[in-house]
Protein backbone atom coordinates (compact mmCIF):
# COMPACT_ATOMS: atom_id res chain seq x y z
CA MET A 1 12.63 -14.60 -15.02
CA LYS A 2 10.56 -16.71 -14.47
CA TYR A 3 9.81 -19.14 -11.73
CA ASN A 4 6.78 -22.26 -11.34
CA SER A 5 4.43 -19.97 -9.02
CA LEU A 6 4.74 -23.22 -6.08
CA MET A 7 8.34 -23.05 -5.92
CA VAL A 8 8.29 -18.45 -5.31
CA LYS A 9 5.51 -19.46 -2.64
CA SER A 10 8.27 -22.57 -0.66
CA LEU A 11 11.52 -20.06 -1.14
CA LEU A 12 9.96 -16.32 -0.14
CA VAL A 13 9.82 -16.64 3.40
CA LEU A 14 6.36 -14.76 4.57
CA SER A 15 4.67 -14.38 7.48
CA MET A 16 0.71 -12.99 6.75
CA ALA A 17 0.99 -10.67 9.98
CA THR A 18 -0.88 -7.80 9.34
CA THR A 19 -4.37 -6.92 7.10
CA SER A 20 -5.19 -3.69 5.26
CA ILE A 21 -8.11 -2.66 3.71
CA LEU A 22 -8.42 -1.82 -0.05
CA ALA A 23 -9.33 1.87 -0.99
CA ASN A 24 -11.82 1.06 -3.35
CA GLU A 25 -14.94 -0.31 -1.82
CA LYS A 26 -18.02 -1.82 -3.04
CA SER A 27 -20.81 -0.03 -3.65
CA ASP A 28 -23.73 -2.41 -3.65
CA GLY A 29 -21.95 -2.40 0.15
CA ALA A 30 -20.31 -5.80 0.18
CA ASP A 31 -17.33 -6.28 2.25
CA ALA A 32 -14.03 -4.40 0.88
CA ALA A 33 -11.51 -6.18 -0.12
CA TYR A 34 -8.73 -7.37 2.43
CA VAL A 35 -4.68 -7.50 1.15
CA ALA A 36 -2.79 -9.33 3.18
CA LYS A 37 1.02 -7.61 4.25
CA ILE A 38 3.80 -9.99 4.24
CA THR A 39 7.36 -9.65 5.92
CA ILE A 40 9.97 -11.25 4.16
CA SER A 41 13.10 -12.87 6.06
CA GLN A 42 16.63 -11.34 6.54
CA SER A 43 17.80 -14.06 6.40
CA MET A 44 16.96 -15.41 3.03
CA ASN A 45 19.67 -17.62 1.39
CA LYS A 46 20.44 -16.65 -2.70
CA LYS A 47 17.38 -19.00 -3.94
CA GLU A 48 15.12 -16.88 -2.14
CA THR A 49 16.29 -14.24 -2.82
CA LEU A 50 16.14 -14.56 -6.64
CA ALA A 51 12.41 -15.86 -6.24
CA LEU A 52 11.77 -12.70 -4.17
CA LEU A 53 13.18 -10.98 -6.86
CA ASP A 54 10.79 -12.45 -9.84
CA LYS A 55 8.16 -11.81 -7.58
CA VAL A 56 9.14 -7.82 -7.56
CA LEU A 57 9.38 -7.80 -11.08
CA SER A 58 7.54 -10.25 -12.80
CA PRO A 59 4.21 -8.00 -12.65
CA PHE A 60 6.40 -4.79 -14.57
CA GLU A 61 7.83 -7.56 -17.03
CA ASP A 62 4.15 -9.31 -17.76
CA MET A 63 2.60 -5.64 -18.30
CA THR A 64 5.46 -4.69 -20.94
CA GLU A 65 4.61 -7.86 -22.71
CA TYR A 66 1.21 -6.96 -22.64
CA ALA A 67 1.40 -3.51 -24.05
CA LEU A 68 3.62 -4.81 -26.62
CA ASP A 69 1.10 -6.92 -27.70
CA LYS A 70 -1.51 -4.49 -27.11
CA GLU A 71 -3.42 -7.09 -25.25
CA LEU A 72 -5.79 -3.96 -22.83
CA ASN A 73 -7.61 -7.04 -20.89
CA GLY A 74 -4.19 -8.10 -19.89
CA MET A 75 -2.70 -4.39 -19.21
CA LYS A 76 -5.83 -4.32 -16.92
CA LYS A 77 -4.94 -7.88 -15.69
CA GLY A 78 -1.65 -7.09 -15.27
CA TYR A 79 -2.29 -3.34 -13.13
CA LYS A 80 -3.68 -5.12 -10.49
CA ASN A 81 -0.91 -7.61 -10.25
CA ILE A 82 1.25 -4.58 -9.97
CA GLU A 83 -0.95 -2.81 -7.20
CA ASN A 84 -1.21 -6.03 -4.76
CA ILE A 85 2.48 -5.90 -4.80
CA GLU A 86 1.97 -2.29 -3.33
CA ASP A 87 -0.54 -2.84 -1.14
CA ASN A 88 0.78 -6.20 0.14
CA ALA A 89 3.97 -4.14 1.01
CA LEU A 90 6.39 -5.96 -1.06
CA LEU A 91 7.55 -3.09 -3.00
CA LYS A 92 8.23 -0.95 -0.03
CA GLN A 93 10.53 -4.10 1.77
CA THR A 94 12.77 -4.70 -1.32
CA ILE A 95 12.71 -1.06 -2.82
CA SER A 96 15.15 1.55 -1.72
CA ALA A 97 13.24 4.64 0.03
CA ASN A 98 13.82 7.37 -2.08
CA LYS A 99 12.89 5.49 -5.23
CA LEU A 100 9.70 3.96 -3.45
CA ASN A 101 7.86 7.34 -3.71
CA GLU A 102 8.67 7.85 -7.30
CA LEU A 103 7.54 4.17 -7.74
CA SER A 104 4.44 4.96 -5.94
CA LYS A 105 3.54 7.41 -8.33
CA ASN A 106 4.31 5.81 -11.58
CA ILE A 107 1.55 3.28 -10.46
CA GLU A 108 -0.82 5.85 -11.02
CA THR A 109 0.01 7.14 -13.74
CA LEU A 110 0.06 3.36 -15.12
CA GLU A 111 -3.33 2.90 -14.57
CA THR A 112 -4.85 6.26 -16.31
CA LEU A 113 -2.37 5.37 -19.59
CA ILE A 114 -4.43 1.91 -19.32
CA ASP A 115 -7.32 3.22 -19.28
CA ASN A 116 -6.84 5.45 -22.35
CA ALA A 117 -5.13 2.68 -24.43
CA GLN A 118 -2.02 4.25 -24.82
CA TYR A 119 0.30 0.67 -25.20
CA SER A 120 3.96 2.05 -26.01
CA LYS A 121 3.60 4.62 -23.10
CA VAL A 122 2.48 1.95 -20.83
CA ALA A 123 5.22 -0.31 -22.87
CA LEU A 124 7.77 2.09 -21.94
CA LEU A 125 7.06 3.22 -18.30
CA SER A 126 6.58 -0.38 -17.32
CA SER A 127 9.60 -1.11 -18.36
CA GLN A 128 11.31 1.38 -16.80
CA MET A 129 9.71 0.47 -13.13
CA PHE A 130 10.95 -2.60 -14.42
CA ASN A 131 14.64 -1.30 -14.74
CA ASP A 132 13.75 1.08 -11.34
CA SER A 133 13.22 -2.04 -8.96
CA VAL A 134 16.50 -3.84 -10.42
CA THR A 135 18.52 -0.70 -9.32
CA ASN A 136 17.10 -0.32 -6.58
CA PHE A 137 16.53 -3.63 -4.83
CA LYS A 138 17.55 -3.66 -1.26
CA TYR A 139 19.14 -7.24 -1.37
CA SER A 140 21.29 -6.92 -4.24
CA SER A 141 24.55 -7.86 -2.99
CA LYS A 142 22.79 -11.53 -2.31
CA ILE A 143 22.24 -11.65 -6.62
CA LYS A 144 24.85 -9.44 -8.23
CA GLU A 145 25.17 -11.05 -11.13
CA GLN A 146 21.42 -12.03 -11.62
CA LEU A 147 20.67 -8.08 -11.28
CA HIS A 148 23.02 -7.10 -14.13
CA ILE A 149 21.14 -9.83 -16.32
CA GLU A 150 18.34 -8.34 -15.18
CA HIS A 151 19.77 -4.95 -16.68
CA LEU A 152 20.34 -7.10 -20.06
CA ASP A 153 16.55 -8.06 -19.89
CA TYR A 154 15.45 -4.27 -19.69
CA MET A 155 17.12 -3.29 -22.86
CA GLY A 156 15.18 -5.98 -24.83
CA PHE A 157 12.15 -4.34 -23.74
CA LYS A 158 13.25 -0.75 -23.63
CA ILE A 159 14.05 -1.29 -27.35
CA LEU A 160 10.85 -3.37 -28.50
CA ALA A 161 9.00 0.15 -26.32
CA LEU A 162 10.62 2.07 -28.22
CA LEU A 163 10.13 0.71 -31.60
CA SER A 164 6.83 0.24 -30.94
CA THR A 165 6.06 4.34 -30.55
CA LYS A 166 5.38 6.77 -33.98
CA ASN A 167 9.33 7.67 -34.22
CA PRO A 168 11.46 5.92 -32.37
CA ASP A 169 13.88 8.06 -30.32
CA PHE A 170 17.44 6.05 -31.45
CA THR A 171 19.43 8.07 -28.46
CA GLN A 172 17.76 6.65 -25.75
CA ILE A 173 18.03 2.65 -27.82
CA SER A 174 22.10 3.53 -27.88
CA ASP A 175 21.97 4.73 -24.67
CA ALA A 176 19.77 1.57 -23.51
CA ILE A 177 22.29 -0.89 -25.58
CA SER A 178 25.85 1.06 -23.84
CA ASN A 179 24.12 0.36 -20.46
CA ALA A 180 23.83 -3.02 -21.31
CA LYS A 181 27.62 -3.34 -22.05
CA ASN A 182 28.61 -2.59 -19.38
CA ASN A 183 26.46 -5.16 -17.54
CA TRP A 184 27.45 -7.47 -19.60
CA ASN A 185 30.90 -6.36 -19.72
CA ALA A 186 30.50 -7.71 -15.36
CA ILE A 187 30.04 -10.82 -15.95
CA LYS A 188 30.87 -11.99 -18.93
CA GLY A 189 34.08 -13.43 -17.71
CA LYS A 190 32.27 -15.53 -15.26
CA ILE A 191 30.86 -17.53 -18.25
CA LYS A 192 32.34 -20.71 -19.20
CA ASP A 193 30.64 -21.60 -22.35
CA GLU A 194 32.13 -19.90 -24.97
CA ASN A 195 29.20 -20.27 -26.92
CA LYS A 196 27.51 -18.41 -24.78
CA VAL A 197 29.63 -15.47 -24.62
CA GLU A 198 29.99 -15.40 -28.36
CA ALA A 199 26.35 -15.47 -28.37
CA PHE A 200 26.40 -12.16 -26.33
CA ASP A 201 28.80 -10.53 -28.35
CA LEU A 202 27.61 -11.18 -31.53
CA LEU A 203 24.20 -10.25 -30.61
CA PHE A 204 25.90 -6.51 -29.27
CA GLN A 205 27.94 -6.24 -32.48
CA GLY A 206 24.49 -6.53 -34.70
CA LEU A 207 22.77 -4.31 -32.72
CA ASP A 208 25.75 -1.77 -32.99
CA HIS A 209 25.58 -2.25 -36.77
CA SER A 210 21.55 -1.89 -36.94
CA LEU A 211 21.57 1.21 -34.87
CA GLN A 212 24.08 2.89 -37.04
CA ILE A 213 22.39 2.50 -40.19
CA LYS A 214 18.48 2.89 -37.83
CA ASP A 215 17.27 -0.75 -39.46
CA LYS A 216 13.90 -0.94 -37.21
CA LYS A 217 12.77 -4.30 -38.66
CA MET A 218 16.34 -5.16 -37.33
CA LEU A 219 16.72 -3.58 -34.12
CA ASN A 220 13.46 -5.07 -33.30
CA ILE A 221 14.55 -9.06 -34.10
CA LEU A 222 17.85 -8.47 -32.22
CA ALA A 223 15.74 -7.10 -28.90
CA GLN A 224 14.09 -10.13 -29.09
CA MET A 225 16.90 -11.96 -29.36
CA ASP A 226 18.34 -10.61 -26.30
CA LEU A 227 15.44 -11.56 -24.46
CA ALA A 228 15.90 -15.31 -25.46
CA LEU A 229 19.62 -15.34 -24.66
CA VAL A 230 18.85 -13.80 -21.14
CA ASP A 231 17.00 -17.43 -20.44
CA VAL A 232 19.63 -19.09 -21.98
CA VAL A 233 22.66 -16.85 -19.62
CA GLU A 234 21.09 -16.40 -16.71
CA VAL A 235 20.90 -20.51 -15.16
CA VAL A 236 24.81 -20.03 -15.22
CA PHE A 237 24.11 -17.94 -11.68
CA GLU A 238 21.14 -19.68 -10.33
């Protein structure tokens, strides 16, 4: 889910309330960098909540894409964006407390994986962090359909990440497809465009067949198709 940055800024209700100093001080004695913390309005409407979700998920989505493309500089840049949403308290205010600590530990692990150019492991971990953020988003009641769609997005990223490994775990691929089917079935009845519904139904048929014969090339193609179809379907619920 991508939004124009200006739209995100206009929709997300932020209050530049406090500031915090980043832990890494410059060795040349210059002033340390500051990250302004934000406060989220509790009276957001649906569109504002969608913009907030995008603000949370985009850094993890970008990181997964950088890792799949084996762009080391992109991953390093993406990591700073992930650090930023942790330092400015965005994650703290949007992710359930019982998952927040695990997410913070995974951010630290991610840095080590990036430093060692572990592309597949970065893709797997960042896609998992994407999904954890969706599952534990505090404002889920306002955008239930969109969260189902984000789980469909996760399936595509998860399959691509698994296929990027030397020996793909087909059991995990099967689980990803099964979970995505449940999310698809939860929203397909609300989509009036029969072409969109048929496209996703056929996608799952193709995934099931490709998984059965362990056709990695076709699974890769269908996972990318999933990501494209998500962009088409999600506009229904905006």
